[in-house]
């Protein structure tokens, strides 16, 4: 047993200190980033925000809207082979969609089949497991890199610099960071395992950037200011689930309770997800997610405007003309209170 005494931080623990700025308008801020990935050598250009590969948010409908605004979507892995073939064959902006898979033989065989039928039209892949610390996961990343050297690979999830480095050395271009911070994730409650998300971002970004890799902050963002803090802490990409839930482009029907409309949203390790895709919760495991009803929000374009507008505004407060500059311009201050909620939460 060992105890680390250093205090780790989450988004709620800090604010960004404002700095002198020469910007005259939020519209002057450039949110596009350009990356040349370490292994694939592919060039990415776009706004580095990704819809999470959950079956409610990682949908084809979400991908269409986000692609039009230069954002990306990690499609959920439960689409059938033909649907994926049709989609990736037609996809014009290759960075607009990540093909998602786990590390089972069935997942890999399905991916190989889709690649063959699309004539290798897929360029971005998300290899996604809850626990990125297993030897089997790292070996799987190595296998995909060896078999498909041209792919841009995002792999996770992890929360520490050592395994971030190991994944990049194994072939990952982007390491997905976050264990337990998601709005419908109960891993920390069920296992006691996790890491405060802001500190995880800062530490993993430092490790990844030292090897020429990138990170994607996955989970924990509840408001646009959290995205600004994640980018300020060194995140190259941010993955959103809960902030994109409840919209027209999300899977599931609108339900009405006491005159208010909602949409279902659940974690991919929840009982609801396992009942749907695995025939129930296996006898040797527990659910590590929950199911909630999210107030119906209409088109996702409305929420995207708020999210992007908040990040642009954060850049103006610290004098960052480009999103790329936000990390260098960010100074975090420790706080005990974030908001004045005398009139309730807004």
C-alpha atoms as a PDB file:
ATOM      1  CA  UNK A   1       0.000   0.000   0.000  1.00  0.00           C
ATOM      2  CA  UNK A   2       1.173   3.515  -0.827  1.00  0.00           C
ATOM      3  CA  UNK A   3      -0.379   6.957  -0.368  1.00  0.00           C
ATOM      4  CA  UNK A   4       0.462   9.884  -2.635  1.00  0.00           C
ATOM      5  CA  UNK A   5       0.103  13.115  -0.688  1.00  0.00           C
ATOM      6  CA  UNK A   6      -0.007  15.483  -3.687  1.00  0.00           C
ATOM      7  CA  UNK A   7      -3.470  16.966  -4.161  1.00  0.00           C
ATOM      8  CA  UNK A   8      -4.977  16.343  -7.608  1.00  0.00           C
ATOM      9  CA  UNK A   9      -7.452  18.771  -9.138  1.00  0.00           C
ATOM     10  CA  UNK A  10     -10.726  18.663 -11.021  1.00  0.00           C
ATOM     11  CA  UNK A  11     -12.461  21.345 -13.074  1.00  0.00           C
ATOM     12  CA  UNK A  12     -14.406  22.523 -10.014  1.00  0.00           C
ATOM     13  CA  UNK A  13     -11.187  23.265  -8.126  1.00  0.00           C
ATOM     14  CA  UNK A  14      -9.823  25.999 -10.403  1.00  0.00           C
ATOM     15  CA  UNK A  15     -10.624  29.065 -12.451  1.00  0.00           C
ATOM     16  CA  UNK A  16      -8.614  30.593 -15.292  1.00  0.00           C
ATOM     17  CA  UNK A  17      -7.011  33.922 -14.410  1.00  0.00           C
ATOM     18  CA  UNK A  18      -7.799  36.673 -16.964  1.00  0.00           C
ATOM     19  CA  UNK A  19      -4.901  38.355 -18.743  1.00  0.00           C
ATOM     20  CA  UNK A  20      -4.260  41.352 -20.953  1.00  0.00           C
ATOM     21  CA  UNK A  21      -5.826  40.870 -24.380  1.00  0.00           C
ATOM     22  CA  UNK A  22      -5.659  42.658 -27.719  1.00  0.00           C
ATOM     23  CA  UNK A  23      -8.703  40.835 -29.098  1.00  0.00           C
ATOM     24  CA  UNK A  24     -11.652  43.083 -29.883  1.00  0.00           C
ATOM     25  CA  UNK A  25     -14.260  40.401 -30.624  1.00  0.00           C
ATOM     26  CA  UNK A  26     -14.940  36.738 -29.907  1.00  0.00           C
ATOM     27  CA  UNK A  27     -15.319  36.303 -33.664  1.00  0.00           C
ATOM     28  CA  UNK A  28     -11.590  36.953 -34.034  1.00  0.00           C
ATOM     29  CA  UNK A  29     -10.729  33.716 -32.203  1.00  0.00           C
ATOM     30  CA  UNK A  30      -9.699  30.784 -34.408  1.00  0.00           C
ATOM     31  CA  UNK A  31     -10.834  27.477 -32.888  1.00  0.00           C
ATOM     32  CA  UNK A  32      -9.344  25.295 -35.626  1.00  0.00           C
ATOM     33  CA  UNK A  33      -6.305  23.185 -34.847  1.00  0.00           C
ATOM     34  CA  UNK A  34      -3.875  21.442 -37.141  1.00  0.00           C
ATOM     35  CA  UNK A  35      -1.996  18.319 -36.100  1.00  0.00           C
ATOM     36  CA  UNK A  36       0.337  15.968 -37.950  1.00  0.00           C
ATOM     37  CA  UNK A  37       0.000  12.667 -36.126  1.00  0.00           C
ATOM     38  CA  UNK A  38       3.102  10.897 -34.883  1.00  0.00           C
ATOM     39  CA  UNK A  39       2.482   7.447 -36.369  1.00  0.00           C
ATOM     40  CA  UNK A  40       0.007   7.853 -39.229  1.00  0.00           C
ATOM     41  CA  UNK A  41       1.621  11.117 -40.444  1.00  0.00           C
ATOM     42  CA  UNK A  42      -1.882  12.229 -41.454  1.00  0.00           C
ATOM     43  CA  UNK A  43      -2.750  15.916 -41.119  1.00  0.00           C
ATOM     44  CA  UNK A  44      -5.836  16.872 -39.122  1.00  0.00           C
ATOM     45  CA  UNK A  45      -7.591  20.226 -39.505  1.00  0.00           C
ATOM     46  CA  UNK A  46     -10.746  21.084 -37.600  1.00  0.00           C
ATOM     47  CA  UNK A  47     -12.247  22.030 -34.264  1.00  0.00           C
ATOM     48  CA  UNK A  48     -10.969  19.289 -31.933  1.00  0.00           C
ATOM     49  CA  UNK A  49     -14.216  18.347 -30.206  1.00  0.00           C
ATOM     50  CA  UNK A  50     -15.546  14.798 -30.614  1.00  0.00           C
ATOM     51  CA  UNK A  51     -18.975  13.341 -29.835  1.00  0.00           C
ATOM     52  CA  UNK A  52     -18.499  10.330 -27.576  1.00  0.00           C
ATOM     53  CA  UNK A  53     -18.808   6.796 -28.942  1.00  0.00           C
ATOM     54  CA  UNK A  54     -21.917   6.094 -26.865  1.00  0.00           C
ATOM     55  CA  UNK A  55     -24.933   4.702 -28.670  1.00  0.00           C
ATOM     56  CA  UNK A  56     -26.992   7.789 -27.814  1.00  0.00           C
ATOM     57  CA  UNK A  57     -24.452  10.407 -28.966  1.00  0.00           C
ATOM     58  CA  UNK A  58     -22.142   8.618 -31.409  1.00  0.00           C
ATOM     59  CA  UNK A  59     -24.790   8.473 -34.120  1.00  0.00           C
ATOM     60  CA  UNK A  60     -24.767   9.026 -37.874  1.00  0.00           C
ATOM     61  CA  UNK A  61     -27.200  11.904 -37.389  1.00  0.00           C
ATOM     62  CA  UNK A  62     -24.856  13.560 -34.889  1.00  0.00           C
ATOM     63  CA  UNK A  63     -21.920  13.012 -37.229  1.00  0.00           C
ATOM     64  CA  UNK A  64     -23.684  14.819 -40.078  1.00  0.00           C
ATOM     65  CA  UNK A  65     -24.291  17.948 -37.992  1.00  0.00           C
ATOM     66  CA  UNK A  66     -20.849  17.988 -36.399  1.00  0.00           C
ATOM     67  CA  UNK A  67     -19.071  17.423 -39.713  1.00  0.00           C
ATOM     68  CA  UNK A  68     -20.771  20.535 -41.120  1.00  0.00           C
ATOM     69  CA  UNK A  69     -19.263  22.553 -38.251  1.00  0.00           C
ATOM     70  CA  UNK A  70     -15.779  20.967 -38.543  1.00  0.00           C
ATOM     71  CA  UNK A  71     -16.194  18.813 -35.432  1.00  0.00           C
ATOM     72  CA  UNK A  72     -15.899  15.028 -35.235  1.00  0.00           C
ATOM     73  CA  UNK A  73     -17.904  12.041 -34.007  1.00  0.00           C
ATOM     74  CA  UNK A  74     -16.696   8.713 -32.674  1.00  0.00           C
ATOM     75  CA  UNK A  75     -19.423   6.415 -33.965  1.00  0.00           C
ATOM     76  CA  UNK A  76     -20.644   3.820 -31.495  1.00  0.00           C
ATOM     77  CA  UNK A  77     -19.490   0.283 -32.240  1.00  0.00           C
ATOM     78  CA  UNK A  78     -22.936  -1.310 -32.455  1.00  0.00           C
ATOM     79  CA  UNK A  79     -23.795  -0.257 -36.006  1.00  0.00           C
ATOM     80  CA  UNK A  80     -23.996  -3.261 -38.308  1.00  0.00           C
ATOM     81  CA  UNK A  81     -21.312  -3.910 -40.889  1.00  0.00           C
ATOM     82  CA  UNK A  82     -23.358  -2.804 -43.906  1.00  0.00           C
ATOM     83  CA  UNK A  83     -24.322   0.513 -42.303  1.00  0.00           C
ATOM     84  CA  UNK A  84     -20.671   1.259 -41.561  1.00  0.00           C
ATOM     85  CA  UNK A  85     -19.596   0.283 -45.072  1.00  0.00           C
ATOM     86  CA  UNK A  86     -22.192   2.584 -46.609  1.00  0.00           C
ATOM     87  CA  UNK A  87     -21.261   5.478 -44.317  1.00  0.00           C
ATOM     88  CA  UNK A  88     -17.477   5.349 -44.617  1.00  0.00           C
ATOM     89  CA  UNK A  89     -17.631   4.796 -48.366  1.00  0.00           C
ATOM     90  CA  UNK A  90     -19.490   8.106 -48.732  1.00  0.00           C
ATOM     91  CA  UNK A  91     -17.632  10.069 -46.043  1.00  0.00           C
ATOM     92  CA  UNK A  92     -15.829  13.044 -47.567  1.00  0.00           C
ATOM     93  CA  UNK A  93     -14.062  14.540 -44.530  1.00  0.00           C
ATOM     94  CA  UNK A  94     -12.177  11.543 -43.168  1.00  0.00           C
ATOM     95  CA  UNK A  95     -11.441  13.184 -39.805  1.00  0.00           C
ATOM     96  CA  UNK A  96     -15.167  13.767 -39.211  1.00  0.00           C
ATOM     97  CA  UNK A  97     -15.723  10.205 -37.974  1.00  0.00           C
ATOM     98  CA  UNK A  98     -13.816   7.658 -35.915  1.00  0.00           C
ATOM     99  CA  UNK A  99     -14.581   3.963 -36.322  1.00  0.00           C
ATOM    100  CA  UNK A 100     -14.949   2.614 -32.763  1.00  0.00           C
ATOM    101  CA  UNK A 101     -14.133  -0.874 -31.557  1.00  0.00           C
ATOM    102  CA  UNK A 102     -13.217  -2.858 -28.487  1.00  0.00           C
ATOM    103  CA  UNK A 103     -10.482  -5.471 -28.356  1.00  0.00           C
ATOM    104  CA  UNK A 104     -12.440  -8.703 -28.846  1.00  0.00           C
ATOM    105  CA  UNK A 105     -11.799 -10.976 -31.816  1.00  0.00           C
ATOM    106  CA  UNK A 106     -15.302 -10.211 -33.076  1.00  0.00           C
ATOM    107  CA  UNK A 107     -14.628  -6.461 -32.965  1.00  0.00           C
ATOM    108  CA  UNK A 108     -11.384  -6.872 -34.877  1.00  0.00           C
ATOM    109  CA  UNK A 109     -12.850  -9.222 -37.494  1.00  0.00           C
ATOM    110  CA  UNK A 110     -15.705  -6.788 -38.113  1.00  0.00           C
ATOM    111  CA  UNK A 111     -13.245  -3.917 -38.545  1.00  0.00           C
ATOM    112  CA  UNK A 112     -11.111  -5.899 -40.990  1.00  0.00           C
ATOM    113  CA  UNK A 113     -14.231  -6.732 -43.004  1.00  0.00           C
ATOM    114  CA  UNK A 114     -15.383  -3.105 -43.131  1.00  0.00           C
ATOM    115  CA  UNK A 115     -11.898  -1.955 -44.156  1.00  0.00           C
ATOM    116  CA  UNK A 116     -11.827  -4.517 -46.951  1.00  0.00           C
ATOM    117  CA  UNK A 117     -15.284  -3.626 -48.239  1.00  0.00           C
ATOM    118  CA  UNK A 118     -14.608   0.136 -48.148  1.00  0.00           C
ATOM    119  CA  UNK A 119     -11.186  -0.260 -49.762  1.00  0.00           C
ATOM    120  CA  UNK A 120      -9.547   1.130 -46.625  1.00  0.00           C
ATOM    121  CA  UNK A 121     -11.701   4.275 -46.601  1.00  0.00           C
ATOM    122  CA  UNK A 122     -11.459   4.518 -42.802  1.00  0.00           C
ATOM    123  CA  UNK A 123      -8.604   6.724 -41.602  1.00  0.00           C
ATOM    124  CA  UNK A 124      -9.489   7.351 -37.938  1.00  0.00           C
ATOM    125  CA  UNK A 125     -10.074   4.613 -35.366  1.00  0.00           C
ATOM    126  CA  UNK A 126     -11.020   4.730 -31.683  1.00  0.00           C
ATOM    127  CA  UNK A 127      -9.929   1.656 -29.717  1.00  0.00           C
ATOM    128  CA  UNK A 128     -11.983   1.950 -26.575  1.00  0.00           C
ATOM    129  CA  UNK A 129     -11.964   0.009 -23.308  1.00  0.00           C
ATOM    130  CA  UNK A 130     -12.847   1.086 -19.781  1.00  0.00           C
ATOM    131  CA  UNK A 131      -9.447   0.022 -18.412  1.00  0.00           C
ATOM    132  CA  UNK A 132      -6.509   0.913 -20.638  1.00  0.00           C
ATOM    133  CA  UNK A 133      -3.939  -0.489 -18.210  1.00  0.00           C
ATOM    134  CA  UNK A 134      -4.105  -4.127 -19.295  1.00  0.00           C
ATOM    135  CA  UNK A 135      -1.340  -5.808 -21.237  1.00  0.00           C
ATOM    136  CA  UNK A 136      -3.923  -7.221 -23.640  1.00  0.00           C
ATOM    137  CA  UNK A 137      -5.105  -3.728 -24.551  1.00  0.00           C
ATOM    138  CA  UNK A 138      -1.599  -2.456 -25.242  1.00  0.00           C
ATOM    139  CA  UNK A 139      -0.844  -5.531 -27.354  1.00  0.00           C
ATOM    140  CA  UNK A 140      -4.061  -4.962 -29.317  1.00  0.00           C
ATOM    141  CA  UNK A 141      -2.993  -1.385 -30.104  1.00  0.00           C
ATOM    142  CA  UNK A 142       0.342  -2.762 -31.329  1.00  0.00           C
ATOM    143  CA  UNK A 143      -1.471  -5.275 -33.541  1.00  0.00           C
ATOM    144  CA  UNK A 144      -3.703  -2.649 -35.159  1.00  0.00           C
ATOM    145  CA  UNK A 145      -0.711  -0.378 -35.750  1.00  0.00           C
ATOM    146  CA  UNK A 146       1.236  -3.229 -37.361  1.00  0.00           C
ATOM    147  CA  UNK A 147      -1.664  -4.395 -39.537  1.00  0.00           C
ATOM    148  CA  UNK A 148      -2.847  -0.897 -40.507  1.00  0.00           C
ATOM    149  CA  UNK A 149       0.127   1.493 -40.325  1.00  0.00           C
ATOM    150  CA  UNK A 150      -1.767   4.239 -42.159  1.00  0.00           C
ATOM    151  CA  UNK A 151      -4.475   4.610 -39.495  1.00  0.00           C
ATOM    152  CA  UNK A 152      -4.725   7.440 -37.006  1.00  0.00           C
ATOM    153  CA  UNK A 153      -5.375   5.557 -33.769  1.00  0.00           C
ATOM    154  CA  UNK A 154      -7.023   6.981 -30.661  1.00  0.00           C
ATOM    155  CA  UNK A 155      -6.793   4.577 -27.710  1.00  0.00           C
ATOM    156  CA  UNK A 156      -7.858   4.622 -24.069  1.00  0.00           C
ATOM    157  CA  UNK A 157      -8.873   5.133 -21.386  1.00  0.00           C
ATOM    158  CA  UNK A 158      -6.014   5.933 -19.019  1.00  0.00           C
ATOM    159  CA  UNK A 159      -5.227   8.701 -16.522  1.00  0.00           C
ATOM    160  CA  UNK A 160      -1.480   8.644 -15.880  1.00  0.00           C
ATOM    161  CA  UNK A 161       1.610   9.626 -17.808  1.00  0.00           C
ATOM    162  CA  UNK A 162       3.359   6.252 -17.693  1.00  0.00           C
ATOM    163  CA  UNK A 163       0.687   4.365 -19.626  1.00  0.00           C
ATOM    164  CA  UNK A 164       0.110   7.365 -21.887  1.00  0.00           C
ATOM    165  CA  UNK A 165       3.725   7.018 -22.965  1.00  0.00           C
ATOM    166  CA  UNK A 166       3.409   3.252 -23.331  1.00  0.00           C
ATOM    167  CA  UNK A 167       0.345   3.568 -25.566  1.00  0.00           C
ATOM    168  CA  UNK A 168       2.046   6.099 -27.820  1.00  0.00           C
ATOM    169  CA  UNK A 169       5.099   3.860 -28.081  1.00  0.00           C
ATOM    170  CA  UNK A 170       2.727   0.965 -28.882  1.00  0.00           C
ATOM    171  CA  UNK A 171       1.255   2.864 -31.825  1.00  0.00           C
ATOM    172  CA  UNK A 172      -1.444   5.230 -30.560  1.00  0.00           C
ATOM    173  CA  UNK A 173      -1.494   8.729 -32.040  1.00  0.00           C
ATOM    174  CA  UNK A 174      -4.044  10.049 -29.526  1.00  0.00           C
ATOM    175  CA  UNK A 175      -4.479   8.752 -25.983  1.00  0.00           C
ATOM    176  CA  UNK A 176      -7.952   9.015 -24.476  1.00  0.00           C
ATOM    177  CA  UNK A 177      -7.826  10.286 -20.890  1.00  0.00           C
ATOM    178  CA  UNK A 178     -10.452   9.759 -18.197  1.00  0.00           C
ATOM    179  CA  UNK A 179     -11.526   7.060 -15.742  1.00  0.00           C
ATOM    180  CA  UNK A 180     -14.791   7.748 -13.988  1.00  0.00           C
ATOM    181  CA  UNK A 181     -15.500  11.454 -14.649  1.00  0.00           C
ATOM    182  CA  UNK A 182     -18.446  10.977 -17.018  1.00  0.00           C
ATOM    183  CA  UNK A 183     -21.943  12.111 -16.065  1.00  0.00           C
ATOM    184  CA  UNK A 184     -23.392   8.592 -16.367  1.00  0.00           C
ATOM    185  CA  UNK A 185     -20.286   6.689 -15.262  1.00  0.00           C
ATOM    186  CA  UNK A 186     -20.230   5.062 -11.824  1.00  0.00           C
ATOM    187  CA  UNK A 187     -16.782   3.444 -11.987  1.00  0.00           C
ATOM    188  CA  UNK A 188     -15.432   5.534  -9.108  1.00  0.00           C
ATOM    189  CA  UNK A 189     -18.446   4.646  -6.974  1.00  0.00           C
ATOM    190  CA  UNK A 190     -18.359   0.937  -7.789  1.00  0.00           C
ATOM    191  CA  UNK A 191     -14.582   0.397  -7.736  1.00  0.00           C
ATOM    192  CA  UNK A 192     -12.969   3.278  -5.867  1.00  0.00           C
ATOM    193  CA  UNK A 193     -10.670   3.752  -8.876  1.00  0.00           C
ATOM    194  CA  UNK A 194     -10.166   7.034 -10.714  1.00  0.00           C
ATOM    195  CA  UNK A 195      -8.231  10.269 -11.010  1.00  0.00           C
ATOM    196  CA  UNK A 196      -9.383  13.916 -10.929  1.00  0.00           C
ATOM    197  CA  UNK A 197      -9.823  14.845 -14.563  1.00  0.00           C
ATOM    198  CA  UNK A 198      -7.936  18.147 -14.754  1.00  0.00           C
ATOM    199  CA  UNK A 199      -4.805  16.706 -13.168  1.00  0.00           C
ATOM    200  CA  UNK A 200      -5.086  13.647 -15.416  1.00  0.00           C
ATOM    201  CA  UNK A 201      -5.213  15.937 -18.454  1.00  0.00           C
ATOM    202  CA  UNK A 202      -2.215  17.998 -17.329  1.00  0.00           C
ATOM    203  CA  UNK A 203      -0.071  14.962 -16.520  1.00  0.00           C
ATOM    204  CA  UNK A 204      -1.029  12.883 -19.570  1.00  0.00           C
ATOM    205  CA  UNK A 205      -0.624  15.846 -21.933  1.00  0.00           C
ATOM    206  CA  UNK A 206       2.887  16.423 -20.630  1.00  0.00           C
ATOM    207  CA  UNK A 207       3.751  12.774 -21.217  1.00  0.00           C
ATOM    208  CA  UNK A 208       2.153  12.590 -24.666  1.00  0.00           C
ATOM    209  CA  UNK A 209       3.593  15.825 -26.000  1.00  0.00           C
ATOM    210  CA  UNK A 210       7.074  14.716 -24.996  1.00  0.00           C
ATOM    211  CA  UNK A 211       6.734  11.829 -27.466  1.00  0.00           C
ATOM    212  CA  UNK A 212       4.978  13.778 -30.217  1.00  0.00           C
ATOM    213  CA  UNK A 213       1.536  12.392 -29.393  1.00  0.00           C
ATOM    214  CA  UNK A 214      -1.800  13.964 -28.504  1.00  0.00           C
ATOM    215  CA  UNK A 215      -4.451  13.372 -25.854  1.00  0.00           C
ATOM    216  CA  UNK A 216      -8.242  13.485 -25.867  1.00  0.00           C
ATOM    217  CA  UNK A 217      -9.917  14.489 -22.596  1.00  0.00           C
ATOM    218  CA  UNK A 218     -12.878  12.128 -22.254  1.00  0.00           C
ATOM    219  CA  UNK A 219     -15.487  12.922 -19.628  1.00  0.00           C
ATOM    220  CA  UNK A 220     -16.068  15.428 -16.867  1.00  0.00           C
ATOM    221  CA  UNK A 221     -17.126  18.453 -18.924  1.00  0.00           C
ATOM    222  CA  UNK A 222     -20.490  19.765 -17.742  1.00  0.00           C
ATOM    223  CA  UNK A 223     -20.383  23.383 -18.962  1.00  0.00           C
ATOM    224  CA  UNK A 224     -18.460  25.246 -21.709  1.00  0.00           C
ATOM    225  CA  UNK A 225     -16.008  26.588 -19.123  1.00  0.00           C
ATOM    226  CA  UNK A 226     -14.882  23.023 -18.427  1.00  0.00           C
ATOM    227  CA  UNK A 227     -13.826  22.675 -22.063  1.00  0.00           C
ATOM    228  CA  UNK A 228     -11.798  25.871 -21.745  1.00  0.00           C
ATOM    229  CA  UNK A 229     -10.090  24.439 -18.654  1.00  0.00           C
ATOM    230  CA  UNK A 230      -9.404  21.132 -20.416  1.00  0.00           C
ATOM    231  CA  UNK A 231      -7.855  22.862 -23.422  1.00  0.00           C
ATOM    232  CA  UNK A 232      -5.991  25.183 -21.062  1.00  0.00           C
ATOM    233  CA  UNK A 233      -4.636  22.153 -19.207  1.00  0.00           C
ATOM    234  CA  UNK A 234      -3.155  20.721 -22.386  1.00  0.00           C
ATOM    235  CA  UNK A 235      -5.901  18.629 -23.989  1.00  0.00           C
ATOM    236  CA  UNK A 236      -5.565  18.462 -27.771  1.00  0.00           C
ATOM    237  CA  UNK A 237      -9.054  16.986 -28.256  1.00  0.00           C
ATOM    238  CA  UNK A 238     -12.117  16.823 -26.016  1.00  0.00           C
ATOM    239  CA  UNK A 239     -14.775  14.104 -26.126  1.00  0.00           C
ATOM    240  CA  UNK A 240     -18.308  15.009 -25.031  1.00  0.00           C
ATOM    241  CA  UNK A 241     -21.172  12.745 -24.009  1.00  0.00           C
ATOM    242  CA  UNK A 242     -23.578  14.313 -21.533  1.00  0.00           C
ATOM    243  CA  UNK A 243     -23.258  17.812 -22.986  1.00  0.00           C
ATOM    244  CA  UNK A 244     -24.483  16.457 -26.333  1.00  0.00           C
ATOM    245  CA  UNK A 245     -27.192  14.185 -24.896  1.00  0.00           C
ATOM    246  CA  UNK A 246     -30.906  14.899 -25.183  1.00  0.00           C
ATOM    247  CA  UNK A 247     -30.863  16.344 -28.695  1.00  0.00           C
ATOM    248  CA  UNK A 248     -32.730  15.444 -31.878  1.00  0.00           C
ATOM    249  CA  UNK A 249     -29.596  13.808 -33.285  1.00  0.00           C
ATOM    250  CA  UNK A 250     -29.288  11.429 -30.325  1.00  0.00           C
ATOM    251  CA  UNK A 251     -30.693   7.922 -30.483  1.00  0.00           C
ATOM    252  CA  UNK A 252     -33.889   7.136 -28.620  1.00  0.00           C
ATOM    253  CA  UNK A 253     -37.426   8.410 -28.487  1.00  0.00           C
ATOM    254  CA  UNK A 254     -38.641  11.496 -26.685  1.00  0.00           C
ATOM    255  CA  UNK A 255     -40.591  10.558 -23.553  1.00  0.00           C
ATOM    256  CA  UNK A 256     -42.925  12.794 -21.577  1.00  0.00           C
ATOM    257  CA  UNK A 257     -43.179  12.946 -17.796  1.00  0.00           C
ATOM    258  CA  UNK A 258     -45.556  15.383 -16.093  1.00  0.00           C
ATOM    259  CA  UNK A 259     -45.671  17.552 -19.190  1.00  0.00           C
ATOM    260  CA  UNK A 260     -41.880  17.749 -19.630  1.00  0.00           C
ATOM    261  CA  UNK A 261     -40.063  16.027 -22.503  1.00  0.00           C
ATOM    262  CA  UNK A 262     -36.943  13.912 -21.947  1.00  0.00           C
ATOM    263  CA  UNK A 263     -34.595  11.545 -23.780  1.00  0.00           C
ATOM    264  CA  UNK A 264     -32.888   8.514 -22.260  1.00  0.00           C
ATOM    265  CA  UNK A 265     -29.130   8.646 -21.724  1.00  0.00           C
ATOM    266  CA  UNK A 266     -27.021   5.884 -20.207  1.00  0.00           C
ATOM    267  CA  UNK A 267     -23.412   4.843 -19.775  1.00  0.00           C
ATOM    268  CA  UNK A 268     -22.053   2.080 -21.976  1.00  0.00           C
ATOM    269  CA  UNK A 269     -21.191   0.000 -18.901  1.00  0.00           C
ATOM    270  CA  UNK A 270     -24.652   0.482 -17.417  1.00  0.00           C
ATOM    271  CA  UNK A 271     -27.235  -2.241 -16.924  1.00  0.00           C
ATOM    272  CA  UNK A 272     -29.310  -0.670 -19.719  1.00  0.00           C
ATOM    273  CA  UNK A 273     -26.440  -0.983 -22.208  1.00  0.00           C
ATOM    274  CA  UNK A 274     -25.551  -4.522 -21.153  1.00  0.00           C
ATOM    275  CA  UNK A 275     -29.185  -5.613 -21.328  1.00  0.00           C
ATOM    276  CA  UNK A 276     -29.363  -4.202 -24.856  1.00  0.00           C
ATOM    277  CA  UNK A 277     -26.108  -5.541 -26.278  1.00  0.00           C
ATOM    278  CA  UNK A 278     -24.904  -8.385 -24.048  1.00  0.00           C
ATOM    279  CA  UNK A 279     -28.113 -10.013 -22.886  1.00  0.00           C
ATOM    280  CA  UNK A 280     -27.723  -8.667 -19.364  1.00  0.00           C
ATOM    281  CA  UNK A 281     -25.017  -8.133 -16.756  1.00  0.00           C
ATOM    282  CA  UNK A 282     -22.608 -11.078 -16.649  1.00  0.00           C
ATOM    283  CA  UNK A 283     -22.483 -12.952 -13.324  1.00  0.00           C
ATOM    284  CA  UNK A 284     -18.853 -11.919 -12.715  1.00  0.00           C
ATOM    285  CA  UNK A 285     -19.268  -8.165 -13.128  1.00  0.00           C
ATOM    286  CA  UNK A 286     -21.276  -5.181 -11.906  1.00  0.00           C
ATOM    287  CA  UNK A 287     -22.823  -2.280 -13.748  1.00  0.00           C
ATOM    288  CA  UNK A 288     -20.483   0.741 -13.790  1.00  0.00           C
ATOM    289  CA  UNK A 289     -22.900   3.193 -15.367  1.00  0.00           C
ATOM    290  CA  UNK A 290     -26.350   4.610 -14.825  1.00  0.00           C
ATOM    291  CA  UNK A 291     -29.379   5.538 -16.879  1.00  0.00           C
ATOM    292  CA  UNK A 292     -30.951   8.996 -16.656  1.00  0.00           C
ATOM    293  CA  UNK A 293     -33.614  11.055 -18.373  1.00  0.00           C
ATOM    294  CA  UNK A 294     -32.108  14.197 -19.910  1.00  0.00           C
ATOM    295  CA  UNK A 295     -34.405  17.152 -20.644  1.00  0.00           C
ATOM    296  CA  UNK A 296     -35.124  17.288 -24.373  1.00  0.00           C
ATOM    297  CA  UNK A 297     -32.962  20.027 -25.931  1.00  0.00           C
ATOM    298  CA  UNK A 298     -33.974  20.166 -29.598  1.00  0.00           C
ATOM    299  CA  UNK A 299     -31.335  20.459 -32.351  1.00  0.00           C
ATOM    300  CA  UNK A 300     -27.735  19.983 -31.232  1.00  0.00           C
ATOM    301  CA  UNK A 301     -26.686  23.045 -33.241  1.00  0.00           C
ATOM    302  CA  UNK A 302     -28.076  25.257 -30.468  1.00  0.00           C
ATOM    303  CA  UNK A 303     -25.874  23.634 -27.839  1.00  0.00           C
ATOM    304  CA  UNK A 304     -22.853  23.696 -30.140  1.00  0.00           C
ATOM    305  CA  UNK A 305     -23.197  27.459 -30.434  1.00  0.00           C
ATOM    306  CA  UNK A 306     -23.091  27.768 -26.636  1.00  0.00           C
ATOM    307  CA  UNK A 307     -20.117  25.410 -26.330  1.00  0.00           C
ATOM    308  CA  UNK A 308     -18.018  27.024 -29.043  1.00  0.00           C
ATOM    309  CA  UNK A 309     -19.034  30.505 -27.936  1.00  0.00           C
ATOM    310  CA  UNK A 310     -17.899  29.773 -24.387  1.00  0.00           C
ATOM    311  CA  UNK A 311     -14.496  28.531 -25.535  1.00  0.00           C
ATOM    312  CA  UNK A 312     -14.060  31.559 -27.806  1.00  0.00           C
ATOM    313  CA  UNK A 313     -14.918  33.864 -24.921  1.00  0.00           C
ATOM    314  CA  UNK A 314     -12.379  32.124 -22.676  1.00  0.00           C
ATOM    315  CA  UNK A 315      -9.729  32.763 -25.311  1.00  0.00           C
ATOM    316  CA  UNK A 316     -10.563  36.477 -25.365  1.00  0.00           C
ATOM    317  CA  UNK A 317     -10.225  36.675 -21.573  1.00  0.00           C
ATOM    318  CA  UNK A 318      -6.615  35.452 -21.716  1.00  0.00           C
ATOM    319  CA  UNK A 319      -5.567  37.021 -25.019  1.00  0.00           C
ATOM    320  CA  UNK A 320      -5.409  33.809 -27.059  1.00  0.00           C
ATOM    321  CA  UNK A 321      -6.039  34.604 -30.725  1.00  0.00           C
ATOM    322  CA  UNK A 322      -6.062  30.886 -31.546  1.00  0.00           C
ATOM    323  CA  UNK A 323      -7.158  27.816 -29.612  1.00  0.00           C
ATOM    324  CA  UNK A 324      -3.576  26.611 -29.997  1.00  0.00           C
ATOM    325  CA  UNK A 325      -2.434  29.510 -27.793  1.00  0.00           C
ATOM    326  CA  UNK A 326      -4.855  28.818 -24.945  1.00  0.00           C
ATOM    327  CA  UNK A 327      -2.585  26.386 -23.091  1.00  0.00           C
ATOM    328  CA  UNK A 328       0.343  28.802 -23.079  1.00  0.00           C
ATOM    329  CA  UNK A 329      -1.917  31.656 -21.972  1.00  0.00           C
ATOM    330  CA  UNK A 330      -3.617  29.713 -19.165  1.00  0.00           C
ATOM    331  CA  UNK A 331      -2.843  30.260 -15.494  1.00  0.00           C
ATOM    332  CA  UNK A 332      -5.074  28.278 -13.141  1.00  0.00           C
ATOM    333  CA  UNK A 333      -5.946  29.635  -9.708  1.00  0.00           C
ATOM    334  CA  UNK A 334      -7.155  27.375  -6.904  1.00  0.00           C
ATOM    335  CA  UNK A 335     -10.612  28.342  -5.638  1.00  0.00           C
ATOM    336  CA  UNK A 336     -13.143  27.248  -3.046  1.00  0.00           C
ATOM    337  CA  UNK A 337     -16.180  28.548  -4.936  1.00  0.00           C
ATOM    338  CA  UNK A 338     -16.964  28.756  -8.642  1.00  0.00           C
ATOM    339  CA  UNK A 339     -20.392  30.329  -8.932  1.00  0.00           C
ATOM    340  CA  UNK A 340     -22.895  32.543  -7.162  1.00  0.00           C
ATOM    341  CA  UNK A 341     -25.989  30.346  -7.067  1.00  0.00           C
ATOM    342  CA  UNK A 342     -28.184  32.477  -4.823  1.00  0.00           C
ATOM    343  CA  UNK A 343     -30.986  32.131  -7.385  1.00  0.00           C
ATOM    344  CA  UNK A 344     -30.333  28.460  -8.050  1.00  0.00           C
ATOM    345  CA  UNK A 345     -28.414  26.629 -10.724  1.00  0.00           C
ATOM    346  CA  UNK A 346     -28.677  27.948 -14.263  1.00  0.00           C
END
